[in-house]
Amino acid sequence: IDRITDQMSQVDQQIGEIRSLHERALVATNESRHKEAALERDDKVAATNSMISEIKENLKETADVCKRSKHDPS
């Protein structure tokens, strides 16, 4: 559970960085700065989506362990 909590905190931080990169791309004064910020944002989005998928898998595994232990008579 602690690992999942840490991962979720990292996702929150990355979402903040994505927001900042998006704003930077929107206010870019030339095409190259806009493109640079947009590419950086897109890379960050891909990494964040990967982390979210990992969190989902960890939550599923945790739920499965809880279900098994709930049904385990020992």
N, C-alpha and C. Protein backbone atom coordinates (compact mmCIF):
# COMPACT_ATOMS: atom_id res chain seq x y z
N ILE A 1 0.82 -1.19 0.00
CA ILE A 1 0.00 0.00 0.00
C ILE A 1 0.87 1.26 0.00
N ASP A 2 1.97 1.24 0.78
CA ASP A 2 2.85 2.41 0.83
C ASP A 2 3.44 2.72 -0.54
N ARG A 3 3.80 1.66 -1.26
CA ARG A 3 4.36 1.86 -2.61
C ARG A 3 3.34 2.50 -3.53
N ILE A 4 2.11 2.06 -3.44
CA ILE A 4 1.04 2.63 -4.27
C ILE A 4 0.82 4.09 -3.90
N THR A 5 0.83 4.39 -2.62
CA THR A 5 0.66 5.78 -2.17
C THR A 5 1.79 6.65 -2.72
N ASP A 6 3.01 6.14 -2.66
CA ASP A 6 4.15 6.88 -3.21
C ASP A 6 4.00 7.10 -4.71
N GLN A 7 3.55 6.07 -5.41
CA GLN A 7 3.35 6.19 -6.86
C GLN A 7 2.28 7.23 -7.17
N MET A 8 1.23 7.24 -6.39
CA MET A 8 0.15 8.20 -6.62
C MET A 8 0.64 9.63 -6.37
N SER A 9 1.51 9.81 -5.38
CA SER A 9 2.10 11.13 -5.13
C SER A 9 2.96 11.56 -6.31
N GLN A 10 3.70 10.61 -6.88
CA GLN A 10 4.51 10.92 -8.05
C GLN A 10 3.64 11.32 -9.23
N VAL A 11 2.52 10.62 -9.42
CA VAL A 11 1.59 10.96 -10.50
C VAL A 11 1.04 12.36 -10.28
N ASP A 12 0.67 12.69 -9.06
CA ASP A 12 0.19 14.05 -8.77
C ASP A 12 1.23 15.10 -9.15
N GLN A 13 2.48 14.82 -8.79
CA GLN A 13 3.56 15.75 -9.11
C GLN A 13 3.73 15.86 -10.63
N GLN A 14 3.67 14.74 -11.32
CA GLN A 14 3.84 14.75 -12.78
C GLN A 14 2.68 15.50 -13.45
N ILE A 15 1.48 15.37 -12.92
CA ILE A 15 0.34 16.10 -13.48
C ILE A 15 0.56 17.60 -13.34
N GLY A 16 1.12 18.02 -12.22
CA GLY A 16 1.45 19.43 -12.05
C GLY A 16 2.49 19.89 -13.07
N GLU A 17 3.48 19.04 -13.32
CA GLU A 17 4.50 19.38 -14.31
C GLU A 17 3.89 19.43 -15.72
N ILE A 18 2.97 18.52 -16.01
CA ILE A 18 2.29 18.52 -17.30
C ILE A 18 1.50 19.81 -17.47
N ARG A 19 0.80 20.23 -16.42
CA ARG A 19 0.04 21.47 -16.46
C ARG A 19 0.95 22.65 -16.78
N SER A 20 2.10 22.68 -16.11
CA SER A 20 3.06 23.75 -16.34
C SER A 20 3.61 23.74 -17.76
N LEU A 21 3.92 22.56 -18.26
CA LEU A 21 4.42 22.45 -19.63
C LEU A 21 3.35 22.85 -20.64
N HIS A 22 2.12 22.50 -20.36
CA HIS A 22 1.00 22.87 -21.25
C HIS A 22 0.87 24.39 -21.29
N GLU A 23 0.93 25.01 -20.12
CA GLU A 23 0.84 26.48 -20.07
C GLU A 23 2.01 27.12 -20.80
N ARG A 24 3.20 26.52 -20.62
CA ARG A 24 4.39 27.05 -21.30
C ARG A 24 4.23 26.96 -22.82
N ALA A 25 3.65 25.85 -23.30
CA ALA A 25 3.43 25.70 -24.74
C ALA A 25 2.41 26.71 -25.23
N LEU A 26 1.40 26.98 -24.42
CA LEU A 26 0.35 27.93 -24.84
C LEU A 26 0.87 29.36 -24.96
N VAL A 27 1.80 29.73 -24.11
CA VAL A 27 2.29 31.11 -24.12
C VAL A 27 3.62 31.27 -24.86
N ALA A 28 4.09 30.21 -25.50
CA ALA A 28 5.36 30.28 -26.22
C ALA A 28 5.28 31.37 -27.29
N THR A 29 6.37 32.12 -27.39
CA THR A 29 6.38 33.26 -28.31
C THR A 29 6.86 32.89 -29.70
N ASN A 30 7.45 31.70 -29.85
CA ASN A 30 7.83 31.29 -31.20
C ASN A 30 7.58 29.79 -31.38
N GLU A 31 7.61 29.35 -32.59
CA GLU A 31 7.27 27.97 -32.93
C GLU A 31 8.22 26.96 -32.27
N SER A 32 9.50 27.26 -32.24
CA SER A 32 10.44 26.28 -31.68
C SER A 32 10.23 26.09 -30.18
N ARG A 33 9.94 27.17 -29.47
CA ARG A 33 9.67 27.04 -28.02
C ARG A 33 8.36 26.29 -27.79
N HIS A 34 7.38 26.57 -28.62
CA HIS A 34 6.10 25.86 -28.51
C HIS A 34 6.32 24.37 -28.75
N LYS A 35 7.05 24.04 -29.80
CA LYS A 35 7.29 22.63 -30.14
C LYS A 35 8.07 21.93 -29.04
N GLU A 36 9.08 22.59 -28.49
CA GLU A 36 9.88 22.02 -27.42
C GLU A 36 9.03 21.72 -26.19
N ALA A 37 8.21 22.68 -25.78
CA ALA A 37 7.36 22.50 -24.60
C ALA A 37 6.31 21.41 -24.85
N ALA A 38 5.75 21.40 -26.06
CA ALA A 38 4.73 20.40 -26.39
C ALA A 38 5.32 18.99 -26.40
N LEU A 39 6.53 18.84 -26.95
CA LEU A 39 7.18 17.52 -26.95
C LEU A 39 7.51 17.06 -25.54
N GLU A 40 8.02 17.97 -24.74
CA GLU A 40 8.32 17.64 -23.34
C GLU A 40 7.05 17.24 -22.60
N ARG A 41 5.97 17.99 -22.85
CA ARG A 41 4.68 17.68 -22.22
C ARG A 41 4.20 16.29 -22.67
N ASP A 42 4.29 16.00 -23.96
CA ASP A 42 3.82 14.71 -24.47
C ASP A 42 4.62 13.55 -23.88
N ASP A 43 5.94 13.75 -23.73
CA ASP A 43 6.76 12.71 -23.09
C ASP A 43 6.34 12.49 -21.64
N LYS A 44 6.07 13.59 -20.94
CA LYS A 44 5.66 13.51 -19.54
C LYS A 44 4.29 12.82 -19.42
N VAL A 45 3.39 13.11 -20.36
CA VAL A 45 2.07 12.46 -20.37
C VAL A 45 2.23 10.95 -20.56
N ALA A 46 3.09 10.55 -21.49
CA ALA A 46 3.30 9.12 -21.74
C ALA A 46 3.87 8.43 -20.49
N ALA A 47 4.83 9.07 -19.85
CA ALA A 47 5.42 8.49 -18.63
C ALA A 47 4.38 8.40 -17.51
N THR A 48 3.55 9.43 -17.40
CA THR A 48 2.51 9.44 -16.37
C THR A 48 1.48 8.36 -16.63
N ASN A 49 1.08 8.20 -17.88
CA ASN A 49 0.12 7.15 -18.23
C ASN A 49 0.68 5.77 -17.89
N SER A 50 1.97 5.59 -18.12
CA SER A 50 2.62 4.32 -17.77
C SER A 50 2.57 4.09 -16.26
N MET A 51 2.84 5.15 -15.50
CA MET A 51 2.79 5.04 -14.03
C MET A 51 1.37 4.71 -13.57
N ILE A 52 0.38 5.33 -14.19
CA ILE A 52 -1.01 5.06 -13.82
C ILE A 52 -1.36 3.60 -14.09
N SER A 53 -0.90 3.07 -15.22
CA SER A 53 -1.14 1.66 -15.53
C SER A 53 -0.50 0.75 -14.50
N GLU A 54 0.71 1.12 -14.06
CA GLU A 54 1.40 0.34 -13.04
C GLU A 54 0.64 0.40 -11.71
N ILE A 55 0.13 1.56 -11.36
CA ILE A 55 -0.66 1.70 -10.13
C ILE A 55 -1.90 0.83 -10.21
N LYS A 56 -2.59 0.84 -11.35
CA LYS A 56 -3.78 0.01 -11.50
C LYS A 56 -3.45 -1.46 -11.29
N GLU A 57 -2.33 -1.91 -11.87
CA GLU A 57 -1.92 -3.31 -11.71
C GLU A 57 -1.59 -3.61 -10.25
N ASN A 58 -0.89 -2.69 -9.59
CA ASN A 58 -0.57 -2.90 -8.17
C ASN A 58 -1.82 -2.94 -7.31
N LEU A 59 -2.80 -2.09 -7.62
CA LEU A 59 -4.06 -2.10 -6.87
C LEU A 59 -4.80 -3.42 -7.09
N LYS A 60 -4.79 -3.91 -8.32
CA LYS A 60 -5.45 -5.18 -8.62
C LYS A 60 -4.78 -6.31 -7.85
N GLU A 61 -3.45 -6.33 -7.86
CA GLU A 61 -2.72 -7.37 -7.12
C GLU A 61 -3.02 -7.28 -5.62
N THR A 62 -3.06 -6.09 -5.09
CA THR A 62 -3.37 -5.90 -3.67
C THR A 62 -4.78 -6.38 -3.35
N ALA A 63 -5.72 -6.06 -4.22
CA ALA A 63 -7.11 -6.51 -4.01
C ALA A 63 -7.19 -8.03 -4.06
N ASP A 64 -6.46 -8.65 -4.98
CA ASP A 64 -6.45 -10.11 -5.09
C ASP A 64 -5.88 -10.75 -3.82
N VAL A 65 -4.81 -10.17 -3.30
CA VAL A 65 -4.22 -10.69 -2.07
C VAL A 65 -5.21 -10.56 -0.91
N CYS A 66 -5.89 -9.44 -0.84
CA CYS A 66 -6.88 -9.23 0.22
C CYS A 66 -8.02 -10.24 0.11
N LYS A 67 -8.48 -10.48 -1.11
CA LYS A 67 -9.56 -11.45 -1.31
C LYS A 67 -9.12 -12.85 -0.89
N ARG A 68 -7.90 -13.22 -1.29
CA ARG A 68 -7.40 -14.56 -0.94
C ARG A 68 -7.25 -14.69 0.57
N SER A 69 -6.75 -13.67 1.23
CA SER A 69 -6.55 -13.77 2.66
C SER A 69 -7.87 -13.77 3.41
N LYS A 70 -8.86 -13.12 2.83
CA LYS A 70 -10.20 -13.10 3.43
C LYS A 70 -10.84 -14.47 3.39
N HIS A 71 -10.55 -15.23 2.31
CA HIS A 71 -11.15 -16.56 2.13
C HIS A 71 -10.26 -17.66 2.70
N ASP A 72 -9.08 -17.33 3.15
CA ASP A 72 -8.15 -18.31 3.70
C ASP A 72 -8.54 -18.60 5.16
N PRO A 73 -8.92 -19.83 5.47
CA PRO A 73 -9.39 -20.15 6.82
C PRO A 73 -8.26 -20.18 7.86
N SER A 74 -6.99 -20.13 7.45
CA SER A 74 -5.91 -20.26 8.44
C SER A 74 -5.61 -19.01 9.19
